[in-house]
Amino acid sequence: MPTDPADLSLFLAQSIVEQSALVRVSRRGPNVMVKVASGEEGRLIGRQGRVIQAMRTLVRAVCEPEERLNVDLDAPKKER
């Protein structure tokens, strides 16, 4: 039985952040957008982006070979 990439992303994100009830996942074309509570974006990204990159690897592993999905953080862009 194939695993839905959005469901897998939701499970992984809820396992990483502290406020798991506030995690939302939506699919926009080839992108799976993960939204977390304010202030928890850093937990999902991880040091040097390692956590989000690991999530991308796992989600791509459950997809069909011809399907190219990307997992992104759905957060407003901060100005520097």
C-alpha atoms as a PDB file:
ATOM      1  CA  MET A   1       0.000   0.000   0.000  1.00  0.00           C
ATOM      2  CA  PRO A   2       1.552   3.322  -1.046  1.00  0.00           C
ATOM      3  CA  THR A   3       2.129   6.000   1.558  1.00  0.00           C
ATOM      4  CA  ASP A   4       0.765   9.487   0.953  1.00  0.00           C
ATOM      5  CA  PRO A   5       3.641  12.015   0.969  1.00  0.00           C
ATOM      6  CA  ALA A   6       1.511  14.617   2.775  1.00  0.00           C
ATOM      7  CA  ASP A   7       0.625  12.146   5.535  1.00  0.00           C
ATOM      8  CA  LEU A   8       4.266  11.183   5.950  1.00  0.00           C
ATOM      9  CA  SER A   9       5.291  14.869   6.100  1.00  0.00           C
ATOM     10  CA  LEU A  10       2.630  15.521   8.743  1.00  0.00           C
ATOM     11  CA  PHE A  11       3.800  12.582  10.851  1.00  0.00           C
ATOM     12  CA  LEU A  12       7.464  13.599  10.625  1.00  0.00           C
ATOM     13  CA  ALA A  13       6.798  17.274  11.395  1.00  0.00           C
ATOM     14  CA  GLN A  14       4.587  16.414  14.376  1.00  0.00           C
ATOM     15  CA  SER A  15       7.350  14.162  15.697  1.00  0.00           C
ATOM     16  CA  ILE A  16       9.914  16.972  15.519  1.00  0.00           C
ATOM     17  CA  VAL A  17       8.147  20.051  16.923  1.00  0.00           C
ATOM     18  CA  GLU A  18       6.832  20.599  20.449  1.00  0.00           C
ATOM     19  CA  GLN A  19       3.402  21.957  19.474  1.00  0.00           C
ATOM     20  CA  SER A  20       2.367  19.078  17.248  1.00  0.00           C
ATOM     21  CA  ALA A  21      -1.315  20.044  17.223  1.00  0.00           C
ATOM     22  CA  LEU A  22      -0.478  23.220  15.281  1.00  0.00           C
ATOM     23  CA  VAL A  23       1.250  21.461  12.371  1.00  0.00           C
ATOM     24  CA  ARG A  24      -0.545  21.834   9.028  1.00  0.00           C
ATOM     25  CA  VAL A  25       0.410  20.225   5.737  1.00  0.00           C
ATOM     26  CA  SER A  26      -0.920  21.152   2.303  1.00  0.00           C
ATOM     27  CA  ARG A  27      -0.018  20.043  -1.176  1.00  0.00           C
ATOM     28  CA  ARG A  28       0.481  22.662  -3.883  1.00  0.00           C
ATOM     29  CA  GLY A  29       1.366  20.975  -7.133  1.00  0.00           C
ATOM     30  CA  PRO A  30       4.787  19.362  -6.758  1.00  0.00           C
ATOM     31  CA  ASN A  31       5.302  20.950  -3.324  1.00  0.00           C
ATOM     32  CA  VAL A  32       4.303  19.695   0.097  1.00  0.00           C
ATOM     33  CA  MET A  33       4.076  22.766   2.320  1.00  0.00           C
ATOM     34  CA  VAL A  34       4.528  22.293   6.077  1.00  0.00           C
ATOM     35  CA  LYS A  35       3.341  25.016   8.451  1.00  0.00           C
ATOM     36  CA  VAL A  36       4.355  24.917  12.121  1.00  0.00           C
ATOM     37  CA  ALA A  37       3.736  27.184  15.115  1.00  0.00           C
ATOM     38  CA  SER A  38       5.542  30.485  15.235  1.00  0.00           C
ATOM     39  CA  GLY A  39       9.011  30.070  16.698  1.00  0.00           C
ATOM     40  CA  GLU A  40       9.300  26.375  15.836  1.00  0.00           C
ATOM     41  CA  GLU A  41      10.544  26.833  12.294  1.00  0.00           C
ATOM     42  CA  GLY A  42      14.116  26.327  13.492  1.00  0.00           C
ATOM     43  CA  ARG A  43      13.303  22.895  14.877  1.00  0.00           C
ATOM     44  CA  LEU A  44      11.928  21.812  11.512  1.00  0.00           C
ATOM     45  CA  ILE A  45      14.863  23.246   9.577  1.00  0.00           C
ATOM     46  CA  GLY A  46      17.546  21.930  11.927  1.00  0.00           C
ATOM     47  CA  ARG A  47      21.216  22.765  11.953  1.00  0.00           C
ATOM     48  CA  GLN A  48      22.373  23.733   8.482  1.00  0.00           C
ATOM     49  CA  GLY A  49      19.037  22.454   7.111  1.00  0.00           C
ATOM     50  CA  ARG A  50      19.717  18.823   7.932  1.00  0.00           C
ATOM     51  CA  VAL A  51      16.283  17.994   9.380  1.00  0.00           C
ATOM     52  CA  ILE A  52      14.255  19.411   6.488  1.00  0.00           C
ATOM     53  CA  GLN A  53      16.643  17.767   4.029  1.00  0.00           C
ATOM     54  CA  ALA A  54      16.137  14.394   5.742  1.00  0.00           C
ATOM     55  CA  MET A  55      12.362  14.899   5.499  1.00  0.00           C
ATOM     56  CA  ARG A  56      12.701  15.608   1.778  1.00  0.00           C
ATOM     57  CA  THR A  57      14.717  12.429   1.311  1.00  0.00           C
ATOM     58  CA  LEU A  58      12.141  10.285   3.129  1.00  0.00           C
ATOM     59  CA  VAL A  59       9.181  11.805   1.284  1.00  0.00           C
ATOM     60  CA  ARG A  60      10.856  11.323  -2.093  1.00  0.00           C
ATOM     61  CA  ALA A  61      11.575   7.705  -1.176  1.00  0.00           C
ATOM     62  CA  VAL A  62       7.862   6.898  -0.824  1.00  0.00           C
ATOM     63  CA  CYS A  63       6.838   8.702  -4.035  1.00  0.00           C
ATOM     64  CA  GLU A  64       6.478   7.173  -7.440  1.00  0.00           C
ATOM     65  CA  PRO A  65       9.786   7.310  -9.359  1.00  0.00           C
ATOM     66  CA  GLU A  66       8.441   9.764 -11.944  1.00  0.00           C
ATOM     67  CA  GLU A  67       6.958  12.084  -9.304  1.00  0.00           C
ATOM     68  CA  ARG A  68       9.260  14.895  -8.153  1.00  0.00           C
ATOM     69  CA  LEU A  69       8.042  16.267  -4.843  1.00  0.00           C
ATOM     70  CA  ASN A  70       9.658  18.863  -2.660  1.00  0.00           C
ATOM     71  CA  VAL A  71       8.996  19.560   1.016  1.00  0.00           C
ATOM     72  CA  ASP A  72       9.088  23.241   1.964  1.00  0.00           C
ATOM     73  CA  LEU A  73       8.417  25.230   5.092  1.00  0.00           C
ATOM     74  CA  ASP A  74       5.326  27.417   4.728  1.00  0.00           C
ATOM     75  CA  ALA A  75       6.482  30.499   6.627  1.00  0.00           C
ATOM     76  CA  PRO A  76       6.599  34.199   5.812  1.00  0.00           C
ATOM     77  CA  LYS A  77       9.915  35.403   4.492  1.00  0.00           C
ATOM     78  CA  LYS A  78      11.906  37.460   6.973  1.00  0.00           C
ATOM     79  CA  GLU A  79      13.642  40.610   5.838  1.00  0.00           C
ATOM     80  CA  ARG A  80      17.293  40.965   6.703  1.00  0.00           C
END
